[in-house]
Amino acid sequence: MARKTIRRLGELVLVLLIVGAGTFALMDLMPGDPAVVVLGEGHTEQEYAAKREEMGLNDPISVRFADWLASAVTGDFGVSFIPPHHEVSGRIAAALPVSVELAALGLLMALVIAVPLAMWSAYHAGGRVDRLVSAGTFGVLSLPSFLAGMLLIMVFANGLGWFPRAEWVRLSESVGDNLYHAFLPALTIALVEAAMFTRVLRGDLIATLQEDYILASKAKGMPPVHVLVRDALRPSSFSLITLLGISLGRLIGSTVIVEYLFSLPGMGTLIISAADEGDVPTVQGAVLVIALIYVLANALIDLSYGYLDPRIRRAHV
């Protein structure tokens, strides 16, 4: 397990280098002059040239990337091009908790919905309950997230008035108000994720329920809850755990639609607005942070397999 952990850390560093280099190169190809973005219109060519020299834009891209990377590993992503030129790390620190909370709450709600549904469906595989669950998950998967969010807003925010739409209270200000404002956006995320989790876990549970030790447990008269929770759920969780890790990293950077619908100040909103404004340092820093979270989540998921199945842990001893 120690060797596996070291290998995963090496892979993590390599992935971050590739993501950082790719993002840096793509942002370097963006049209427009960063000096104009920083200074604004109406300056002389000499002033723009001096600003480009000050920003190091005349250096080769390899030199600029090395300088940026050396600062990035210390948490310094530079200064925003857009007035009032805040530190990029500060902008990320303000936006990241919103996206992380939305992703975590959405996945938690998805698991609360998906695990009981999958167990119920798998235990009655081929029956009316199973067909109902399968049809429901197919229906939810065919529903785009922006449409699901709009429907939730129309019913629960505009219609019933139970939840706000365009407000956000940070967790540090009030836990209760924060969860109240986060419920609808998190539910929007959870619906599609729950449908995917249900289908994946249902398929694995159906296969596990055909194993000899499960049949023996049933033959002993064990109740369905014992068979499903104690005997079948844990060995059937590999695909679900993998999907969970992928979803966590993906959702942190892909909640743009949800954040836009509910006017939330998260990472998706930060990246889109920074890209529109030509704020290169903010985009580079935000993308690298999201990539770091993504690879860390997947590395932890991979290492957790040894706990879920001791055979994997023994195979690496």
C-alpha atoms as a PDB file:
ATOM      1  CA  MET A   1       0.000   0.000   0.000  1.00  0.00           C
ATOM      2  CA  ALA A   2       2.921   2.359   0.691  1.00  0.00           C
ATOM      3  CA  ARG A   3       4.343   1.714  -2.782  1.00  0.00           C
ATOM      4  CA  LYS A   4       0.926   2.238  -4.299  1.00  0.00           C
ATOM      5  CA  THR A   5       0.504   5.518  -2.415  1.00  0.00           C
ATOM      6  CA  ILE A   6       3.880   6.814  -3.648  1.00  0.00           C
ATOM      7  CA  ARG A   7       3.037   5.801  -7.203  1.00  0.00           C
ATOM      8  CA  ARG A   8      -0.307   7.583  -7.019  1.00  0.00           C
ATOM      9  CA  LEU A   9       1.383  10.740  -5.709  1.00  0.00           C
ATOM     10  CA  GLY A  10       3.792  10.641  -8.648  1.00  0.00           C
ATOM     11  CA  GLU A  11       0.887  10.314 -11.060  1.00  0.00           C
ATOM     12  CA  LEU A  12      -0.860  13.199  -9.309  1.00  0.00           C
ATOM     13  CA  VAL A  13       2.123  15.503  -9.827  1.00  0.00           C
ATOM     14  CA  LEU A  14       2.387  14.485 -13.497  1.00  0.00           C
ATOM     15  CA  VAL A  15      -1.302  15.157 -14.153  1.00  0.00           C
ATOM     16  CA  LEU A  16      -1.085  18.569 -12.490  1.00  0.00           C
ATOM     17  CA  LEU A  17       1.950  19.466 -14.615  1.00  0.00           C
ATOM     18  CA  ILE A  18       0.124  18.470 -17.793  1.00  0.00           C
ATOM     19  CA  VAL A  19      -3.026  20.389 -16.810  1.00  0.00           C
ATOM     20  CA  GLY A  20      -1.020  23.448 -15.795  1.00  0.00           C
ATOM     21  CA  ALA A  21       1.024  23.444 -19.006  1.00  0.00           C
ATOM     22  CA  GLY A  22      -2.050  22.898 -21.180  1.00  0.00           C
ATOM     23  CA  THR A  23      -4.007  25.672 -19.512  1.00  0.00           C
ATOM     24  CA  PHE A  24      -1.061  28.052 -19.688  1.00  0.00           C
ATOM     25  CA  ALA A  25      -0.554  27.340 -23.385  1.00  0.00           C
ATOM     26  CA  LEU A  26      -4.254  27.730 -24.230  1.00  0.00           C
ATOM     27  CA  MET A  27      -4.556  31.014 -22.351  1.00  0.00           C
ATOM     28  CA  ASP A  28      -1.425  32.243 -24.136  1.00  0.00           C
ATOM     29  CA  LEU A  29      -3.235  31.687 -27.450  1.00  0.00           C
ATOM     30  CA  MET A  30      -6.213  33.818 -26.426  1.00  0.00           C
ATOM     31  CA  PRO A  31      -6.770  36.855 -28.690  1.00  0.00           C
ATOM     32  CA  GLY A  32      -6.070  40.257 -27.254  1.00  0.00           C
ATOM     33  CA  ASP A  33      -3.198  41.899 -25.447  1.00  0.00           C
ATOM     34  CA  PRO A  34      -2.942  41.331 -21.672  1.00  0.00           C
ATOM     35  CA  ALA A  35      -1.326  44.747 -21.359  1.00  0.00           C
ATOM     36  CA  VAL A  36      -4.475  46.338 -22.789  1.00  0.00           C
ATOM     37  CA  VAL A  37      -6.613  44.295 -20.393  1.00  0.00           C
ATOM     38  CA  VAL A  38      -4.570  45.525 -17.426  1.00  0.00           C
ATOM     39  CA  LEU A  39      -4.152  49.188 -18.440  1.00  0.00           C
ATOM     40  CA  GLY A  40      -7.404  49.639 -20.342  1.00  0.00           C
ATOM     41  CA  GLU A  41      -7.927  51.552 -23.563  1.00  0.00           C
ATOM     42  CA  GLY A  42      -6.493  54.975 -24.371  1.00  0.00           C
ATOM     43  CA  HIS A  43      -2.791  54.522 -23.591  1.00  0.00           C
ATOM     44  CA  THR A  44       0.172  54.984 -25.897  1.00  0.00           C
ATOM     45  CA  GLU A  45       1.994  52.110 -27.558  1.00  0.00           C
ATOM     46  CA  GLN A  46       5.062  52.919 -25.440  1.00  0.00           C
ATOM     47  CA  GLU A  47       3.026  52.480 -22.252  1.00  0.00           C
ATOM     48  CA  TYR A  48       1.656  49.159 -23.487  1.00  0.00           C
ATOM     49  CA  ALA A  49       5.150  48.010 -24.428  1.00  0.00           C
ATOM     50  CA  ALA A  50       6.468  48.953 -20.996  1.00  0.00           C
ATOM     51  CA  LYS A  51       3.623  47.055 -19.320  1.00  0.00           C
ATOM     52  CA  ARG A  52       4.303  43.961 -21.468  1.00  0.00           C
ATOM     53  CA  GLU A  53       7.940  44.099 -20.449  1.00  0.00           C
ATOM     54  CA  GLU A  54       6.963  44.508 -16.797  1.00  0.00           C
ATOM     55  CA  MET A  55       4.617  41.511 -17.021  1.00  0.00           C
ATOM     56  CA  GLY A  56       7.297  39.389 -18.683  1.00  0.00           C
ATOM     57  CA  LEU A  57       5.216  38.856 -21.810  1.00  0.00           C
ATOM     58  CA  ASN A  58       8.301  39.265 -24.006  1.00  0.00           C
ATOM     59  CA  ASP A  59       9.940  36.200 -22.441  1.00  0.00           C
ATOM     60  CA  PRO A  60       9.612  32.756 -24.079  1.00  0.00           C
ATOM     61  CA  ILE A  61       6.522  30.811 -23.011  1.00  0.00           C
ATOM     62  CA  SER A  62       8.690  28.166 -21.323  1.00  0.00           C
ATOM     63  CA  VAL A  63      10.272  30.807 -19.078  1.00  0.00           C
ATOM     64  CA  ARG A  64       6.910  32.357 -18.237  1.00  0.00           C
ATOM     65  CA  PHE A  65       5.409  28.950 -17.438  1.00  0.00           C
ATOM     66  CA  ALA A  66       8.344  28.030 -15.188  1.00  0.00           C
ATOM     67  CA  ASP A  67       8.008  31.324 -13.312  1.00  0.00           C
ATOM     68  CA  TRP A  68       4.243  30.871 -12.929  1.00  0.00           C
ATOM     69  CA  LEU A  69       4.615  27.266 -11.782  1.00  0.00           C
ATOM     70  CA  ALA A  70       7.259  28.191  -9.214  1.00  0.00           C
ATOM     71  CA  SER A  71       4.848  30.696  -7.707  1.00  0.00           C
ATOM     72  CA  ALA A  72       1.789  28.428  -8.054  1.00  0.00           C
ATOM     73  CA  VAL A  73       3.294  25.631  -5.945  1.00  0.00           C
ATOM     74  CA  THR A  74       3.486  28.105  -3.066  1.00  0.00           C
ATOM     75  CA  GLY A  75      -0.156  29.113  -3.542  1.00  0.00           C
ATOM     76  CA  ASP A  76       0.661  32.384  -5.301  1.00  0.00           C
ATOM     77  CA  PHE A  77      -1.280  32.549  -8.581  1.00  0.00           C
ATOM     78  CA  GLY A  78      -0.526  36.177  -9.271  1.00  0.00           C
ATOM     79  CA  VAL A  79      -2.793  39.203  -9.445  1.00  0.00           C
ATOM     80  CA  SER A  80      -6.026  39.551 -11.406  1.00  0.00           C
ATOM     81  CA  PHE A  81      -5.781  41.573 -14.607  1.00  0.00           C
ATOM     82  CA  ILE A  82      -9.120  43.231 -13.853  1.00  0.00           C
ATOM     83  CA  PRO A  83      -9.338  46.250 -11.503  1.00  0.00           C
ATOM     84  CA  PRO A  84      -9.105  46.426  -8.526  1.00  0.00           C
ATOM     85  CA  HIS A  85      -6.478  43.704  -9.219  1.00  0.00           C
ATOM     86  CA  HIS A  86      -7.173  41.384  -6.290  1.00  0.00           C
ATOM     87  CA  GLU A  87      -4.923  38.450  -5.529  1.00  0.00           C
ATOM     88  CA  VAL A  88      -6.070  35.429  -7.559  1.00  0.00           C
ATOM     89  CA  SER A  89      -5.652  33.162  -4.546  1.00  0.00           C
ATOM     90  CA  GLY A  90      -8.070  35.382  -2.616  1.00  0.00           C
ATOM     91  CA  ARG A  91     -10.685  35.208  -5.385  1.00  0.00           C
ATOM     92  CA  ILE A  92     -10.362  31.414  -5.505  1.00  0.00           C
ATOM     93  CA  ALA A  93     -10.570  31.183  -1.708  1.00  0.00           C
ATOM     94  CA  ALA A  94     -13.865  33.087  -1.825  1.00  0.00           C
ATOM     95  CA  ALA A  95     -15.404  31.035  -4.661  1.00  0.00           C
ATOM     96  CA  LEU A  96     -14.118  27.521  -3.888  1.00  0.00           C
ATOM     97  CA  PRO A  97     -16.149  26.878  -0.689  1.00  0.00           C
ATOM     98  CA  VAL A  98     -19.381  27.575  -2.583  1.00  0.00           C
ATOM     99  CA  SER A  99     -18.651  25.015  -5.305  1.00  0.00           C
ATOM    100  CA  VAL A 100     -17.242  22.447  -2.877  1.00  0.00           C
ATOM    101  CA  GLU A 101     -20.299  22.738  -0.662  1.00  0.00           C
ATOM    102  CA  LEU A 102     -22.693  22.449  -3.601  1.00  0.00           C
ATOM    103  CA  ALA A 103     -20.852  19.411  -4.959  1.00  0.00           C
ATOM    104  CA  ALA A 104     -20.624  17.718  -1.549  1.00  0.00           C
ATOM    105  CA  LEU A 105     -24.263  18.388  -0.646  1.00  0.00           C
ATOM    106  CA  GLY A 106     -25.410  17.298  -4.091  1.00  0.00           C
ATOM    107  CA  LEU A 107     -23.482  14.030  -3.888  1.00  0.00           C
ATOM    108  CA  LEU A 108     -24.672  13.385  -0.325  1.00  0.00           C
ATOM    109  CA  MET A 109     -28.277  13.904  -1.352  1.00  0.00           C
ATOM    110  CA  ALA A 110     -27.716  11.712  -4.412  1.00  0.00           C
ATOM    111  CA  LEU A 111     -26.378   8.879  -2.236  1.00  0.00           C
ATOM    112  CA  VAL A 112     -29.289   9.184   0.192  1.00  0.00           C
ATOM    113  CA  ILE A 113     -31.651   8.791  -2.751  1.00  0.00           C
ATOM    114  CA  ALA A 114     -29.688   6.272  -4.822  1.00  0.00           C
ATOM    115  CA  VAL A 115     -28.551   3.639  -2.315  1.00  0.00           C
ATOM    116  CA  PRO A 116     -32.014   2.653  -0.995  1.00  0.00           C
ATOM    117  CA  LEU A 117     -33.500   2.796  -4.499  1.00  0.00           C
ATOM    118  CA  ALA A 118     -30.742   0.611  -5.941  1.00  0.00           C
ATOM    119  CA  MET A 119     -31.037  -1.976  -3.165  1.00  0.00           C
ATOM    120  CA  TRP A 120     -34.810  -2.051  -3.431  1.00  0.00           C
ATOM    121  CA  SER A 121     -34.652  -2.371  -7.220  1.00  0.00           C
ATOM    122  CA  ALA A 122     -31.918  -5.024  -7.248  1.00  0.00           C
ATOM    123  CA  TYR A 123     -33.668  -7.206  -4.668  1.00  0.00           C
ATOM    124  CA  HIS A 124     -36.793  -7.151  -6.861  1.00  0.00           C
ATOM    125  CA  ALA A 125     -34.891  -7.423 -10.161  1.00  0.00           C
ATOM    126  CA  GLY A 126     -37.248  -7.923 -13.079  1.00  0.00           C
ATOM    127  CA  GLY A 127     -40.319  -7.101 -11.027  1.00  0.00           C
ATOM    128  CA  ARG A 128     -42.645  -4.126 -11.027  1.00  0.00           C
ATOM    129  CA  VAL A 129     -40.521  -2.189  -8.531  1.00  0.00           C
ATOM    130  CA  ASP A 130     -37.406  -2.693 -10.637  1.00  0.00           C
ATOM    131  CA  ARG A 131     -39.149  -1.573 -13.821  1.00  0.00           C
ATOM    132  CA  LEU A 132     -40.508   1.503 -12.061  1.00  0.00           C
ATOM    133  CA  VAL A 133     -37.078   2.505 -10.725  1.00  0.00           C
ATOM    134  CA  SER A 134     -35.420   1.883 -14.116  1.00  0.00           C
ATOM    135  CA  ALA A 135     -38.004   4.007 -15.927  1.00  0.00           C
ATOM    136  CA  GLY A 136     -37.649   6.781 -13.359  1.00  0.00           C
ATOM    137  CA  THR A 137     -33.847   6.890 -13.582  1.00  0.00           C
ATOM    138  CA  PHE A 138     -33.960   6.895 -17.391  1.00  0.00           C
ATOM    139  CA  GLY A 139     -36.393   9.802 -17.253  1.00  0.00           C
ATOM    140  CA  VAL A 140     -34.191  11.827 -14.897  1.00  0.00           C
ATOM    141  CA  LEU A 141     -31.049  11.120 -16.954  1.00  0.00           C
ATOM    142  CA  SER A 142     -32.797  12.459 -20.046  1.00  0.00           C
ATOM    143  CA  LEU A 143     -33.568  15.719 -18.244  1.00  0.00           C
ATOM    144  CA  PRO A 144     -30.862  18.411 -18.719  1.00  0.00           C
ATOM    145  CA  SER A 145     -29.628  19.952 -15.483  1.00  0.00           C
ATOM    146  CA  PHE A 146     -30.624  23.465 -16.535  1.00  0.00           C
ATOM    147  CA  LEU A 147     -34.177  22.283 -17.192  1.00  0.00           C
ATOM    148  CA  ALA A 148     -34.316  20.459 -13.857  1.00  0.00           C
ATOM    149  CA  GLY A 149     -33.091  23.603 -12.128  1.00  0.00           C
ATOM    150  CA  MET A 150     -35.659  25.769 -13.902  1.00  0.00           C
ATOM    151  CA  LEU A 151     -38.465  23.386 -12.939  1.00  0.00           C
ATOM    152  CA  LEU A 152     -37.360  23.385  -9.303  1.00  0.00           C
ATOM    153  CA  ILE A 153     -37.191  27.192  -9.324  1.00  0.00           C
ATOM    154  CA  MET A 154     -40.631  27.485 -10.898  1.00  0.00           C
ATOM    155  CA  VAL A 155     -42.253  25.115  -8.413  1.00  0.00           C
ATOM    156  CA  PHE A 156     -40.441  25.624  -5.111  1.00  0.00           C
ATOM    157  CA  ALA A 157     -39.079  29.180  -5.433  1.00  0.00           C
ATOM    158  CA  ASN A 158     -41.500  31.118  -7.654  1.00  0.00           C
ATOM    159  CA  GLY A 159     -44.640  29.011  -7.141  1.00  0.00           C
ATOM    160  CA  LEU A 160     -44.661  27.845  -3.536  1.00  0.00           C
ATOM    161  CA  GLY A 161     -42.114  30.371  -2.267  1.00  0.00           C
ATOM    162  CA  TRP A 162     -40.464  27.777  -0.033  1.00  0.00           C
ATOM    163  CA  PHE A 163     -36.896  28.537  -1.093  1.00  0.00           C
ATOM    164  CA  PRO A 164     -35.026  31.604  -2.377  1.00  0.00           C
ATOM    165  CA  ARG A 165     -33.537  31.668  -5.849  1.00  0.00           C
ATOM    166  CA  ALA A 166     -30.823  34.303  -6.115  1.00  0.00           C
ATOM    167  CA  GLU A 167     -29.400  34.528  -2.610  1.00  0.00           C
ATOM    168  CA  TRP A 168     -26.435  32.942  -0.862  1.00  0.00           C
ATOM    169  CA  VAL A 169     -25.471  32.910   2.813  1.00  0.00           C
ATOM    170  CA  ARG A 170     -22.008  31.637   3.629  1.00  0.00           C
ATOM    171  CA  LEU A 171     -21.560  28.780   6.079  1.00  0.00           C
ATOM    172  CA  SER A 172     -19.499  30.988   8.382  1.00  0.00           C
ATOM    173  CA  GLU A 173     -22.415  33.403   8.743  1.00  0.00           C
ATOM    174  CA  SER A 174     -25.217  30.951   9.554  1.00  0.00           C
ATOM    175  CA  VAL A 175     -25.287  27.167   9.170  1.00  0.00           C
ATOM    176  CA  GLY A 176     -29.083  26.984   9.053  1.00  0.00           C
ATOM    177  CA  ASP A 177     -29.499  29.808   6.538  1.00  0.00           C
ATOM    178  CA  ASN A 178     -26.669  28.415   4.451  1.00  0.00           C
ATOM    179  CA  LEU A 179     -28.276  24.968   4.153  1.00  0.00           C
ATOM    180  CA  TYR A 180     -31.649  26.576   3.472  1.00  0.00           C
ATOM    181  CA  HIS A 181     -30.249  28.593   0.554  1.00  0.00           C
ATOM    182  CA  ALA A 182     -28.138  25.669  -0.719  1.00  0.00           C
ATOM    183  CA  PHE A 183     -30.950  23.102  -0.762  1.00  0.00           C
ATOM    184  CA  LEU A 184     -32.441  23.797  -4.216  1.00  0.00           C
ATOM    185  CA  PRO A 185     -29.082  24.148  -6.046  1.00  0.00           C
ATOM    186  CA  ALA A 186     -27.821  20.963  -4.364  1.00  0.00           C
ATOM    187  CA  LEU A 187     -31.024  19.128  -5.275  1.00  0.00           C
ATOM    188  CA  THR A 188     -30.585  20.215  -8.897  1.00  0.00           C
ATOM    189  CA  ILE A 189     -27.151  18.582  -8.867  1.00  0.00           C
ATOM    190  CA  ALA A 190     -28.352  15.535  -6.947  1.00  0.00           C
ATOM    191  CA  LEU A 191     -31.131  14.481  -9.320  1.00  0.00           C
ATOM    192  CA  VAL A 192     -28.945  13.444 -12.261  1.00  0.00           C
ATOM    193  CA  GLU A 193     -26.192  12.085 -10.009  1.00  0.00           C
ATOM    194  CA  ALA A 194     -28.730   9.984  -8.078  1.00  0.00           C
ATOM    195  CA  ALA A 195     -30.047   8.493 -11.308  1.00  0.00           C
ATOM    196  CA  MET A 196     -26.520   7.506 -12.407  1.00  0.00           C
ATOM    197  CA  PHE A 197     -25.602   6.130  -8.985  1.00  0.00           C
ATOM    198  CA  THR A 198     -28.811   4.108  -8.834  1.00  0.00           C
ATOM    199  CA  ARG A 199     -28.232   2.426 -12.192  1.00  0.00           C
ATOM    200  CA  VAL A 200     -24.576   1.633 -11.474  1.00  0.00           C
ATOM    201  CA  LEU A 201     -25.177   0.278  -7.971  1.00  0.00           C
ATOM    202  CA  ARG A 202     -28.268  -1.666  -9.065  1.00  0.00           C
ATOM    203  CA  GLY A 203     -26.281  -3.516 -11.737  1.00  0.00           C
ATOM    204  CA  ASP A 204     -23.483  -4.425  -9.315  1.00  0.00           C
ATOM    205  CA  LEU A 205     -25.938  -5.494  -6.624  1.00  0.00           C
ATOM    206  CA  ILE A 206     -27.791  -7.789  -9.023  1.00  0.00           C
ATOM    207  CA  ALA A 207     -24.503  -9.522  -9.865  1.00  0.00           C
ATOM    208  CA  THR A 208     -23.488  -9.786  -6.196  1.00  0.00           C
ATOM    209  CA  LEU A 209     -26.854 -11.214  -5.181  1.00  0.00           C
ATOM    210  CA  GLN A 210     -26.133 -14.218  -7.408  1.00  0.00           C
ATOM    211  CA  GLU A 211     -22.991 -15.138  -5.436  1.00  0.00           C
ATOM    212  CA  ASP A 212     -23.001 -18.378  -3.466  1.00  0.00           C
ATOM    213  CA  TYR A 213     -22.473 -16.723  -0.088  1.00  0.00           C
ATOM    214  CA  ILE A 214     -25.492 -14.490  -0.691  1.00  0.00           C
ATOM    215  CA  LEU A 215     -27.623 -17.498  -1.633  1.00  0.00           C
ATOM    216  CA  ALA A 216     -26.402 -19.233   1.531  1.00  0.00           C
ATOM    217  CA  SER A 217     -27.350 -16.200   3.606  1.00  0.00           C
ATOM    218  CA  LYS A 218     -30.835 -16.238   2.094  1.00  0.00           C
ATOM    219  CA  ALA A 219     -31.103 -19.972   2.745  1.00  0.00           C
ATOM    220  CA  LYS A 220     -30.382 -19.343   6.427  1.00  0.00           C
ATOM    221  CA  GLY A 221     -33.460 -17.128   6.548  1.00  0.00           C
ATOM    222  CA  MET A 222     -31.651 -13.822   6.880  1.00  0.00           C
ATOM    223  CA  PRO A 223     -33.970 -10.824   6.367  1.00  0.00           C
ATOM    224  CA  PRO A 224     -33.586  -8.826   3.122  1.00  0.00           C
ATOM    225  CA  VAL A 225     -32.152  -5.811   4.954  1.00  0.00           C
ATOM    226  CA  HIS A 226     -29.362  -7.954   6.434  1.00  0.00           C
ATOM    227  CA  VAL A 227     -28.600  -9.551   3.074  1.00  0.00           C
ATOM    228  CA  LEU A 228     -28.488  -6.238   1.239  1.00  0.00           C
ATOM    229  CA  VAL A 229     -26.737  -4.037   3.799  1.00  0.00           C
ATOM    230  CA  ARG A 230     -24.409  -6.467   5.599  1.00  0.00           C
ATOM    231  CA  ASP A 231     -23.581  -8.933   2.813  1.00  0.00           C
ATOM    232  CA  ALA A 232     -24.122  -7.344  -0.610  1.00  0.00           C
ATOM    233  CA  LEU A 233     -23.641  -3.578  -0.371  1.00  0.00           C
ATOM    234  CA  ARG A 234     -19.952  -3.384   0.508  1.00  0.00           C
ATOM    235  CA  PRO A 235     -18.590  -5.679  -2.261  1.00  0.00           C
ATOM    236  CA  SER A 236     -20.944  -3.994  -4.738  1.00  0.00           C
ATOM    237  CA  SER A 237     -19.659  -0.481  -4.027  1.00  0.00           C
ATOM    238  CA  PHE A 238     -16.517  -0.396  -6.188  1.00  0.00           C
ATOM    239  CA  SER A 239     -18.114   1.158  -9.257  1.00  0.00           C
ATOM    240  CA  LEU A 240     -20.165   3.528  -7.103  1.00  0.00           C
ATOM    241  CA  ILE A 241     -17.110   4.703  -5.146  1.00  0.00           C
ATOM    242  CA  THR A 242     -15.180   5.260  -8.381  1.00  0.00           C
ATOM    243  CA  LEU A 243     -18.064   7.212  -9.879  1.00  0.00           C
ATOM    244  CA  LEU A 244     -18.372   9.203  -6.653  1.00  0.00           C
ATOM    245  CA  GLY A 245     -14.744  10.310  -6.816  1.00  0.00           C
ATOM    246  CA  ILE A 246     -15.020  11.273 -10.478  1.00  0.00           C
ATOM    247  CA  SER A 247     -18.266  13.153  -9.846  1.00  0.00           C
ATOM    248  CA  LEU A 248     -16.847  15.160  -6.934  1.00  0.00           C
ATOM    249  CA  GLY A 249     -13.958  16.550  -8.944  1.00  0.00           C
ATOM    250  CA  ARG A 250     -16.110  17.070 -12.025  1.00  0.00           C
ATOM    251  CA  LEU A 251     -18.918  18.862 -10.226  1.00  0.00           C
ATOM    252  CA  ILE A 252     -16.662  21.424  -8.552  1.00  0.00           C
ATOM    253  CA  GLY A 253     -15.729  22.814 -11.943  1.00  0.00           C
ATOM    254  CA  SER A 254     -18.921  22.031 -13.863  1.00  0.00           C
ATOM    255  CA  THR A 255     -21.622  23.623 -11.694  1.00  0.00           C
ATOM    256  CA  VAL A 256     -21.636  26.640 -14.016  1.00  0.00           C
ATOM    257  CA  ILE A 257     -25.259  26.195 -15.076  1.00  0.00           C
ATOM    258  CA  VAL A 258     -26.489  25.671 -11.527  1.00  0.00           C
ATOM    259  CA  GLU A 259     -24.473  28.629 -10.235  1.00  0.00           C
ATOM    260  CA  TYR A 260     -25.802  30.788 -13.065  1.00  0.00           C
ATOM    261  CA  LEU A 261     -29.432  29.763 -12.499  1.00  0.00           C
ATOM    262  CA  PHE A 262     -29.214  30.486  -8.779  1.00  0.00           C
ATOM    263  CA  SER A 263     -26.740  33.415  -9.045  1.00  0.00           C
ATOM    264  CA  LEU A 264     -24.133  31.731  -6.831  1.00  0.00           C
ATOM    265  CA  PRO A 265     -20.537  33.006  -6.492  1.00  0.00           C
ATOM    266  CA  GLY A 266     -18.772  29.680  -7.106  1.00  0.00           C
ATOM    267  CA  MET A 267     -15.812  28.456  -9.160  1.00  0.00           C
ATOM    268  CA  GLY A 268     -17.823  27.969 -12.326  1.00  0.00           C
ATOM    269  CA  THR A 269     -19.024  31.554 -12.269  1.00  0.00           C
ATOM    270  CA  LEU A 270     -15.496  32.754 -11.469  1.00  0.00           C
ATOM    271  CA  ILE A 271     -13.914  30.922 -14.420  1.00  0.00           C
ATOM    272  CA  ILE A 272     -16.573  31.981 -16.937  1.00  0.00           C
ATOM    273  CA  SER A 273     -16.440  35.638 -15.911  1.00  0.00           C
ATOM    274  CA  ALA A 274     -12.627  35.625 -15.878  1.00  0.00           C
ATOM    275  CA  ALA A 275     -12.473  34.063 -19.345  1.00  0.00           C
ATOM    276  CA  ASP A 276     -14.939  36.627 -20.700  1.00  0.00           C
ATOM    277  CA  GLU A 277     -12.845  39.465 -19.266  1.00  0.00           C
ATOM    278  CA  GLY A 278      -9.506  38.061 -20.432  1.00  0.00           C
ATOM    279  CA  ASP A 279      -8.347  37.618 -16.833  1.00  0.00           C
ATOM    280  CA  VAL A 280      -5.687  35.009 -17.600  1.00  0.00           C
ATOM    281  CA  PRO A 281      -4.158  34.551 -14.103  1.00  0.00           C
ATOM    282  CA  THR A 282      -7.564  33.856 -12.558  1.00  0.00           C
ATOM    283  CA  VAL A 283      -8.453  31.212 -15.155  1.00  0.00           C
ATOM    284  CA  GLN A 284      -5.066  29.502 -14.823  1.00  0.00           C
ATOM    285  CA  GLY A 285      -5.179  29.437 -11.034  1.00  0.00           C
ATOM    286  CA  ALA A 286      -8.803  28.273 -10.828  1.00  0.00           C
ATOM    287  CA  VAL A 287      -8.308  25.464 -13.353  1.00  0.00           C
ATOM    288  CA  LEU A 288      -5.202  24.218 -11.536  1.00  0.00           C
ATOM    289  CA  VAL A 289      -7.032  24.171  -8.181  1.00  0.00           C
ATOM    290  CA  ILE A 290      -9.933  22.222  -9.697  1.00  0.00           C
ATOM    291  CA  ALA A 291      -7.496  19.752 -11.267  1.00  0.00           C
ATOM    292  CA  LEU A 292      -5.776  19.325  -7.881  1.00  0.00           C
ATOM    293  CA  ILE A 293      -9.083  18.522  -6.175  1.00  0.00           C
ATOM    294  CA  TYR A 294     -10.043  16.142  -8.984  1.00  0.00           C
ATOM    295  CA  VAL A 295      -6.857  14.077  -8.875  1.00  0.00           C
ATOM    296  CA  LEU A 296      -6.759  14.061  -5.056  1.00  0.00           C
ATOM    297  CA  ALA A 297     -10.335  12.783  -4.903  1.00  0.00           C
ATOM    298  CA  ASN A 298      -9.609  10.012  -7.383  1.00  0.00           C
ATOM    299  CA  ALA A 299      -6.374   9.060  -5.632  1.00  0.00           C
ATOM    300  CA  LEU A 300      -8.189   8.734  -2.299  1.00  0.00           C
ATOM    301  CA  ILE A 301     -10.921   6.672  -3.945  1.00  0.00           C
ATOM    302  CA  ASP A 302      -8.323   4.365  -5.483  1.00  0.00           C
ATOM    303  CA  LEU A 303      -6.572   3.898  -2.146  1.00  0.00           C
ATOM    304  CA  SER A 304      -9.904   3.182  -0.428  1.00  0.00           C
ATOM    305  CA  TYR A 305     -10.352  -0.012  -2.465  1.00  0.00           C
ATOM    306  CA  GLY A 306      -8.030  -1.779  -0.056  1.00  0.00           C
ATOM    307  CA  TYR A 307     -10.499  -1.122   2.741  1.00  0.00           C
ATOM    308  CA  LEU A 308     -13.499  -2.215   0.722  1.00  0.00           C
ATOM    309  CA  ASP A 309     -11.884  -5.476  -0.403  1.00  0.00           C
ATOM    310  CA  PRO A 310      -9.003  -6.992   1.646  1.00  0.00           C
ATOM    311  CA  ARG A 311      -7.963  -9.054  -1.395  1.00  0.00           C
ATOM    312  CA  ILE A 312      -6.753  -5.853  -3.076  1.00  0.00           C
ATOM    313  CA  ARG A 313      -4.817  -4.844   0.043  1.00  0.00           C
ATOM    314  CA  ARG A 314      -3.095  -8.248   0.226  1.00  0.00           C
ATOM    315  CA  ALA A 315      -2.251  -8.112  -3.471  1.00  0.00           C
ATOM    316  CA  HIS A 316      -0.017  -5.065  -2.838  1.00  0.00           C
ATOM    317  CA  VAL A 317       1.733  -6.396   0.253  1.00  0.00           C
END
